[in-house]
Structure formats: structure tokens, C-alpha cells
Amino acid sequence: MSRIGLLGFIILLAVASCTEKPQTNSKPLNIFPEEIVIIYSGSSTCPECNNEKLPDVLNELITNFRSLGDSLNYGIRFIGVSNDVAVQPGYKHLNNVANFDEIAVGNGYLNTVLNKYFIQNSKSNLSTATPQILVLKRTYKNADGSSKSIDVFEISNEVEIQRVYGLKSIEFLSSFAKKIEF
């Protein structure tokens, strides 16, 4: 095989391996055209974020939202973000408080998820308060309308439904999660 042929073959393998669907660890990737996104913002150094009740409250919250999602045929995405500058303390905190679908850690307030959803898009002076829950309704569309080996979707609409600050408010939100209208 010539050098160019071999190089082409290597490039083909690289491209082919990059177009495989992402692997999932334990659950199938469920894609819904509409979903409820719950984003938790916390910190490893915040006393209320380290309250022993928080994991149970977050578990109840996500259970109630999953029930709501099932009744509406919406997907549910539970995202955890930490305002810790270092990755390890933020990761450890998020791992201790809930079983998230996605996490974002590191870089403090420059963290992409934290900055976008809790600083730029917040109309409150409490934008960096922790613990905090943000509930969004998100609509997806297929990015290019084609059928490829990777399903590429883009967010076509995203609306803030609710934002709460503090453990007591998160408990209150959890108790009324099934009654929220989308």
C-alpha cells in the first residue's frame, strides 16, 4: 500500500470512529423533542450545599420531575454544576449530592454552564447563590434534517420556567413539581 493510500486509510478509520454514537454507561440515551431541564448549582464550600438533607431533597425533586415528564411525554435532563474553581472538589460535591445526567465543574464563575445559565441569563441579584435550581423547558430539532450515524440535534427553543434559591425553596419546588405547567 502506498504512503498516500495508507494515510487515506488511517484518516478513514479516524473519521469512521468519530462518527459512532456516544457510548452510554448504564441507561439508553432517550431523545425527546421536548424536555424539562433541571440544573442544580452548588459548591463544595457552601454549608447549605453540604446539608445532609440535600441529597434526599434532590432525589425527590428529580423523581417528581421524572413523573411529570412521563405524563407529558417530555424528556428529563438533570444537570449539576459547581462553582468551585478546582475540578476535584466540585466533582466530589456533585457526586455526593445526586446522580446527574451531566455535570460541569471547574473554573469558578467562568464555568461555561454556570456563566450562561446562572450569571448571564439571570435577572436576579442572587444569580450566584447556592444551592440553586433552574428549571427550563427545552425544544430540540434535528440539526440538518438528515439521517446520519450520529443524531445531531440543536436546541431550537429554551424557556426558563422556574428558579429557586436555598434548600427550603428547593424542597418547596419538589413538592409542587407535578403541578407546574409547561
C-alpha atoms as a PDB file:
ATOM      1  CA  MET A   1       0.000   0.000   0.000  1.00  0.00           C
ATOM      2  CA  SER A   2       1.390   3.407  -0.928  1.00  0.00           C
ATOM      3  CA  ARG A   3       2.017   6.088   1.694  1.00  0.00           C
ATOM      4  CA  ILE A   4      -0.921   8.129   0.415  1.00  0.00           C
ATOM      5  CA  GLY A   5      -3.131   5.050   0.404  1.00  0.00           C
ATOM      6  CA  LEU A   6      -2.095   4.192   3.950  1.00  0.00           C
ATOM      7  CA  LEU A   7      -2.640   7.792   5.091  1.00  0.00           C
ATOM      8  CA  GLY A   8      -6.077   7.803   3.468  1.00  0.00           C
ATOM      9  CA  PHE A   9      -6.932   4.524   5.205  1.00  0.00           C
ATOM     10  CA  ILE A  10      -5.836   5.932   8.586  1.00  0.00           C
ATOM     11  CA  ILE A  11      -7.905   9.086   8.028  1.00  0.00           C
ATOM     12  CA  LEU A  12     -10.904   6.945   7.043  1.00  0.00           C
ATOM     13  CA  LEU A  13     -10.562   4.944  10.259  1.00  0.00           C
ATOM     14  CA  ALA A  14     -10.291   8.131  12.318  1.00  0.00           C
ATOM     15  CA  VAL A  15     -13.373   9.633  10.687  1.00  0.00           C
ATOM     16  CA  ALA A  16     -15.310   6.381  10.974  1.00  0.00           C
ATOM     17  CA  SER A  17     -14.514   6.043  14.660  1.00  0.00           C
ATOM     18  CA  CYS A  18     -15.543   9.655  15.286  1.00  0.00           C
ATOM     19  CA  THR A  19     -18.993   9.158  13.790  1.00  0.00           C
ATOM     20  CA  GLU A  20     -20.088   6.431  16.163  1.00  0.00           C
ATOM     21  CA  LYS A  21     -22.876   7.211  18.594  1.00  0.00           C
ATOM     22  CA  PRO A  22     -21.693   8.064  22.106  1.00  0.00           C
ATOM     23  CA  GLN A  23     -21.467   5.119  24.464  1.00  0.00           C
ATOM     24  CA  THR A  24     -23.740   5.106  27.479  1.00  0.00           C
ATOM     25  CA  ASN A  25     -22.730   3.628  30.798  1.00  0.00           C
ATOM     26  CA  SER A  26     -25.956   2.252  32.177  1.00  0.00           C
ATOM     27  CA  LYS A  27     -29.012   3.706  30.528  1.00  0.00           C
ATOM     28  CA  PRO A  28     -30.091   4.300  26.951  1.00  0.00           C
ATOM     29  CA  LEU A  29     -29.920   7.804  25.557  1.00  0.00           C
ATOM     30  CA  ASN A  30     -33.563   8.825  25.312  1.00  0.00           C
ATOM     31  CA  ILE A  31     -34.166  11.665  22.925  1.00  0.00           C
ATOM     32  CA  PHE A  32     -37.392  13.626  23.144  1.00  0.00           C
ATOM     33  CA  PRO A  33     -38.335  16.634  21.009  1.00  0.00           C
ATOM     34  CA  GLU A  34     -39.167  18.456  24.244  1.00  0.00           C
ATOM     35  CA  GLU A  35     -37.580  18.099  27.625  1.00  0.00           C
ATOM     36  CA  ILE A  36     -37.537  19.564  31.081  1.00  0.00           C
ATOM     37  CA  VAL A  37     -34.029  20.536  32.149  1.00  0.00           C
ATOM     38  CA  ILE A  38     -33.277  20.832  35.853  1.00  0.00           C
ATOM     39  CA  ILE A  39     -29.918  22.451  36.618  1.00  0.00           C
ATOM     40  CA  TYR A  40     -28.511  22.324  40.132  1.00  0.00           C
ATOM     41  CA  SER A  41     -25.860  24.889  41.072  1.00  0.00           C
ATOM     42  CA  GLY A  42     -23.849  24.108  44.168  1.00  0.00           C
ATOM     43  CA  SER A  43     -20.487  24.443  45.857  1.00  0.00           C
ATOM     44  CA  SER A  44     -18.241  22.213  47.922  1.00  0.00           C
ATOM     45  CA  THR A  45     -17.709  25.074  50.390  1.00  0.00           C
ATOM     46  CA  CYS A  46     -21.346  26.152  50.873  1.00  0.00           C
ATOM     47  CA  PRO A  47     -22.784  24.907  54.207  1.00  0.00           C
ATOM     48  CA  GLU A  48     -26.311  24.576  52.801  1.00  0.00           C
ATOM     49  CA  CYS A  49     -24.992  22.638  49.768  1.00  0.00           C
ATOM     50  CA  ASN A  50     -23.403  20.209  52.208  1.00  0.00           C
ATOM     51  CA  ASN A  51     -26.508  19.798  54.365  1.00  0.00           C
ATOM     52  CA  GLU A  52     -27.158  16.098  54.907  1.00  0.00           C
ATOM     53  CA  LYS A  53     -30.770  16.574  53.730  1.00  0.00           C
ATOM     54  CA  LEU A  54     -29.795  17.902  50.281  1.00  0.00           C
ATOM     55  CA  PRO A  55     -29.227  14.529  48.529  1.00  0.00           C
ATOM     56  CA  ASP A  56     -32.687  13.302  49.591  1.00  0.00           C
ATOM     57  CA  VAL A  57     -34.294  16.586  48.553  1.00  0.00           C
ATOM     58  CA  LEU A  58     -32.621  16.470  45.124  1.00  0.00           C
ATOM     59  CA  ASN A  59     -33.567  12.808  44.686  1.00  0.00           C
ATOM     60  CA  GLU A  60     -37.205  13.609  45.477  1.00  0.00           C
ATOM     61  CA  LEU A  61     -37.085  16.619  43.146  1.00  0.00           C
ATOM     62  CA  ILE A  62     -35.829  14.609  40.196  1.00  0.00           C
ATOM     63  CA  THR A  63     -38.260  11.747  40.925  1.00  0.00           C
ATOM     64  CA  ASN A  64     -41.172  14.189  40.889  1.00  0.00           C
ATOM     65  CA  PHE A  65     -39.971  15.838  37.683  1.00  0.00           C
ATOM     66  CA  ARG A  66     -39.464  12.443  36.016  1.00  0.00           C
ATOM     67  CA  SER A  67     -43.071  11.608  36.884  1.00  0.00           C
ATOM     68  CA  LEU A  68     -44.187  14.917  35.368  1.00  0.00           C
ATOM     69  CA  GLY A  69     -42.052  14.278  32.287  1.00  0.00           C
ATOM     70  CA  ASP A  70     -43.601  10.832  31.838  1.00  0.00           C
ATOM     71  CA  SER A  71     -47.118  12.279  31.998  1.00  0.00           C
ATOM     72  CA  LEU A  72     -46.254  14.966  29.402  1.00  0.00           C
ATOM     73  CA  ASN A  73     -44.057  12.698  27.243  1.00  0.00           C
ATOM     74  CA  TYR A  74     -41.111  15.045  27.855  1.00  0.00           C
ATOM     75  CA  GLY A  75     -37.561  14.004  28.450  1.00  0.00           C
ATOM     76  CA  ILE A  76     -35.904  14.948  31.725  1.00  0.00           C
ATOM     77  CA  ARG A  77     -32.295  16.097  31.932  1.00  0.00           C
ATOM     78  CA  PHE A  78     -30.697  16.657  35.354  1.00  0.00           C
ATOM     79  CA  ILE A  79     -27.516  18.729  35.197  1.00  0.00           C
ATOM     80  CA  GLY A  80     -25.174  19.533  38.063  1.00  0.00           C
ATOM     81  CA  VAL A  81     -22.802  22.490  38.042  1.00  0.00           C
ATOM     82  CA  SER A  82     -20.335  23.505  40.717  1.00  0.00           C
ATOM     83  CA  ASN A  83     -18.906  26.982  41.234  1.00  0.00           C
ATOM     84  CA  ASP A  84     -15.661  25.522  42.568  1.00  0.00           C
ATOM     85  CA  VAL A  85     -12.521  26.743  40.805  1.00  0.00           C
ATOM     86  CA  ALA A  86     -10.803  23.353  41.060  1.00  0.00           C
ATOM     87  CA  VAL A  87     -12.337  20.357  39.303  1.00  0.00           C
ATOM     88  CA  GLN A  88     -11.854  17.714  42.020  1.00  0.00           C
ATOM     89  CA  PRO A  89     -13.761  19.422  44.888  1.00  0.00           C
ATOM     90  CA  GLY A  90     -16.593  20.334  42.506  1.00  0.00           C
ATOM     91  CA  TYR A  91     -16.775  16.820  41.091  1.00  0.00           C
ATOM     92  CA  LYS A  92     -16.730  15.281  44.566  1.00  0.00           C
ATOM     93  CA  HIS A  93     -19.511  17.603  45.735  1.00  0.00           C
ATOM     94  CA  LEU A  94     -21.750  16.864  42.747  1.00  0.00           C
ATOM     95  CA  ASN A  95     -21.076  13.142  43.042  1.00  0.00           C
ATOM     96  CA  ASN A  96     -22.107  13.266  46.723  1.00  0.00           C
ATOM     97  CA  VAL A  97     -25.401  15.119  46.266  1.00  0.00           C
ATOM     98  CA  ALA A  98     -27.094  13.492  43.257  1.00  0.00           C
ATOM     99  CA  ASN A  99     -26.925  11.204  40.254  1.00  0.00           C
ATOM    100  CA  PHE A 100     -26.770  13.749  37.416  1.00  0.00           C
ATOM    101  CA  ASP A 101     -27.142  13.120  33.679  1.00  0.00           C
ATOM    102  CA  GLU A 102     -24.455  15.742  33.024  1.00  0.00           C
ATOM    103  CA  ILE A 103     -22.037  17.735  35.160  1.00  0.00           C
ATOM    104  CA  ALA A 104     -19.930  20.865  34.676  1.00  0.00           C
ATOM    105  CA  VAL A 105     -17.077  21.555  37.084  1.00  0.00           C
ATOM    106  CA  GLY A 106     -14.056  23.828  37.336  1.00  0.00           C
ATOM    107  CA  ASN A 107     -13.234  27.457  36.505  1.00  0.00           C
ATOM    108  CA  GLY A 108     -15.455  29.019  39.166  1.00  0.00           C
ATOM    109  CA  TYR A 109     -17.806  31.634  37.742  1.00  0.00           C
ATOM    110  CA  LEU A 110     -16.125  31.279  34.339  1.00  0.00           C
ATOM    111  CA  ASN A 111     -17.506  27.737  34.083  1.00  0.00           C
ATOM    112  CA  THR A 112     -19.455  27.722  30.811  1.00  0.00           C
ATOM    113  CA  VAL A 113     -22.703  26.284  32.201  1.00  0.00           C
ATOM    114  CA  LEU A 114     -22.600  28.375  35.375  1.00  0.00           C
ATOM    115  CA  ASN A 115     -21.840  31.537  33.443  1.00  0.00           C
ATOM    116  CA  LYS A 116     -24.514  31.008  30.791  1.00  0.00           C
ATOM    117  CA  TYR A 117     -27.411  29.878  32.953  1.00  0.00           C
ATOM    118  CA  PHE A 118     -26.733  31.447  36.333  1.00  0.00           C
ATOM    119  CA  ILE A 119     -24.924  34.695  35.572  1.00  0.00           C
ATOM    120  CA  GLN A 120     -25.719  35.885  32.030  1.00  0.00           C
ATOM    121  CA  ASN A 121     -29.350  34.737  31.887  1.00  0.00           C
ATOM    122  CA  SER A 122     -30.338  35.584  35.456  1.00  0.00           C
ATOM    123  CA  LYS A 123     -32.340  38.697  36.193  1.00  0.00           C
ATOM    124  CA  SER A 124     -31.696  38.310  39.920  1.00  0.00           C
ATOM    125  CA  ASN A 125     -29.062  39.698  42.252  1.00  0.00           C
ATOM    126  CA  LEU A 126     -28.902  36.157  43.641  1.00  0.00           C
ATOM    127  CA  SER A 127     -27.514  34.709  40.405  1.00  0.00           C
ATOM    128  CA  THR A 128     -24.551  33.088  42.167  1.00  0.00           C
ATOM    129  CA  ALA A 129     -26.424  31.950  45.299  1.00  0.00           C
ATOM    130  CA  THR A 130     -26.114  28.270  46.167  1.00  0.00           C
ATOM    131  CA  PRO A 131     -27.793  25.886  46.294  1.00  0.00           C
ATOM    132  CA  GLN A 132     -29.925  26.917  43.369  1.00  0.00           C
ATOM    133  CA  ILE A 133     -32.224  25.096  40.958  1.00  0.00           C
ATOM    134  CA  LEU A 134     -33.091  26.332  37.494  1.00  0.00           C
ATOM    135  CA  VAL A 135     -35.896  24.636  35.546  1.00  0.00           C
ATOM    136  CA  LEU A 136     -36.031  25.070  31.770  1.00  0.00           C
ATOM    137  CA  LYS A 137     -38.280  23.802  29.020  1.00  0.00           C
ATOM    138  CA  ARG A 138     -36.144  22.899  26.023  1.00  0.00           C
ATOM    139  CA  THR A 139     -37.213  22.059  22.468  1.00  0.00           C
ATOM    140  CA  TYR A 140     -34.911  20.263  20.039  1.00  0.00           C
ATOM    141  CA  LYS A 141     -34.840  19.897  16.293  1.00  0.00           C
ATOM    142  CA  ASN A 142     -32.654  17.714  14.125  1.00  0.00           C
ATOM    143  CA  ALA A 143     -29.777  19.970  13.179  1.00  0.00           C
ATOM    144  CA  ASP A 144     -29.810  19.280   9.462  1.00  0.00           C
ATOM    145  CA  GLY A 145     -32.857  17.116   8.815  1.00  0.00           C
ATOM    146  CA  SER A 146     -30.750  14.206   7.628  1.00  0.00           C
ATOM    147  CA  SER A 147     -30.379  10.718   8.972  1.00  0.00           C
ATOM    148  CA  LYS A 148     -26.748  10.130   9.899  1.00  0.00           C
ATOM    149  CA  SER A 149     -24.905   7.634  12.036  1.00  0.00           C
ATOM    150  CA  ILE A 150     -24.858  10.335  14.724  1.00  0.00           C
ATOM    151  CA  ASP A 151     -28.129  12.032  15.550  1.00  0.00           C
ATOM    152  CA  VAL A 152     -27.201  15.694  15.776  1.00  0.00           C
ATOM    153  CA  PHE A 153     -29.789  17.870  17.449  1.00  0.00           C
ATOM    154  CA  GLU A 154     -29.806  21.542  18.197  1.00  0.00           C
ATOM    155  CA  ILE A 155     -31.757  23.447  20.780  1.00  0.00           C
ATOM    156  CA  SER A 156     -34.387  25.402  18.900  1.00  0.00           C
ATOM    157  CA  ASN A 157     -36.023  26.982  21.945  1.00  0.00           C
ATOM    158  CA  GLU A 158     -35.285  27.220  25.644  1.00  0.00           C
ATOM    159  CA  VAL A 159     -37.513  28.941  28.206  1.00  0.00           C
ATOM    160  CA  GLU A 160     -36.879  29.490  31.901  1.00  0.00           C
ATOM    161  CA  ILE A 161     -39.794  28.083  33.896  1.00  0.00           C
ATOM    162  CA  GLN A 162     -38.625  28.448  37.485  1.00  0.00           C
ATOM    163  CA  ARG A 163     -35.581  29.445  39.528  1.00  0.00           C
ATOM    164  CA  VAL A 164     -35.279  28.841  43.276  1.00  0.00           C
ATOM    165  CA  TYR A 165     -32.560  29.560  45.845  1.00  0.00           C
ATOM    166  CA  GLY A 166     -31.822  27.684  49.055  1.00  0.00           C
ATOM    167  CA  LEU A 167     -32.674  24.275  50.465  1.00  0.00           C
ATOM    168  CA  LYS A 168     -36.152  25.228  51.732  1.00  0.00           C
ATOM    169  CA  SER A 169     -37.137  26.636  48.326  1.00  0.00           C
ATOM    170  CA  ILE A 170     -35.830  23.509  46.587  1.00  0.00           C
ATOM    171  CA  GLU A 171     -37.957  21.385  48.956  1.00  0.00           C
ATOM    172  CA  PHE A 172     -40.981  23.554  48.160  1.00  0.00           C
ATOM    173  CA  LEU A 173     -40.345  23.250  44.407  1.00  0.00           C
ATOM    174  CA  SER A 174     -40.084  19.480  44.746  1.00  0.00           C
ATOM    175  CA  SER A 175     -43.450  19.249  46.482  1.00  0.00           C
ATOM    176  CA  PHE A 176     -45.121  21.198  43.670  1.00  0.00           C
ATOM    177  CA  ALA A 177     -43.154  19.776  40.727  1.00  0.00           C
ATOM    178  CA  LYS A 178     -46.085  17.718  39.443  1.00  0.00           C
ATOM    179  CA  LYS A 179     -48.292  20.824  39.327  1.00  0.00           C
ATOM    180  CA  ILE A 180     -46.010  23.032  37.232  1.00  0.00           C
ATOM    181  CA  GLU A 181     -47.464  23.805  33.829  1.00  0.00           C
ATOM    182  CA  PHE A 182     -45.333  23.653  30.723  1.00  0.00           C
END
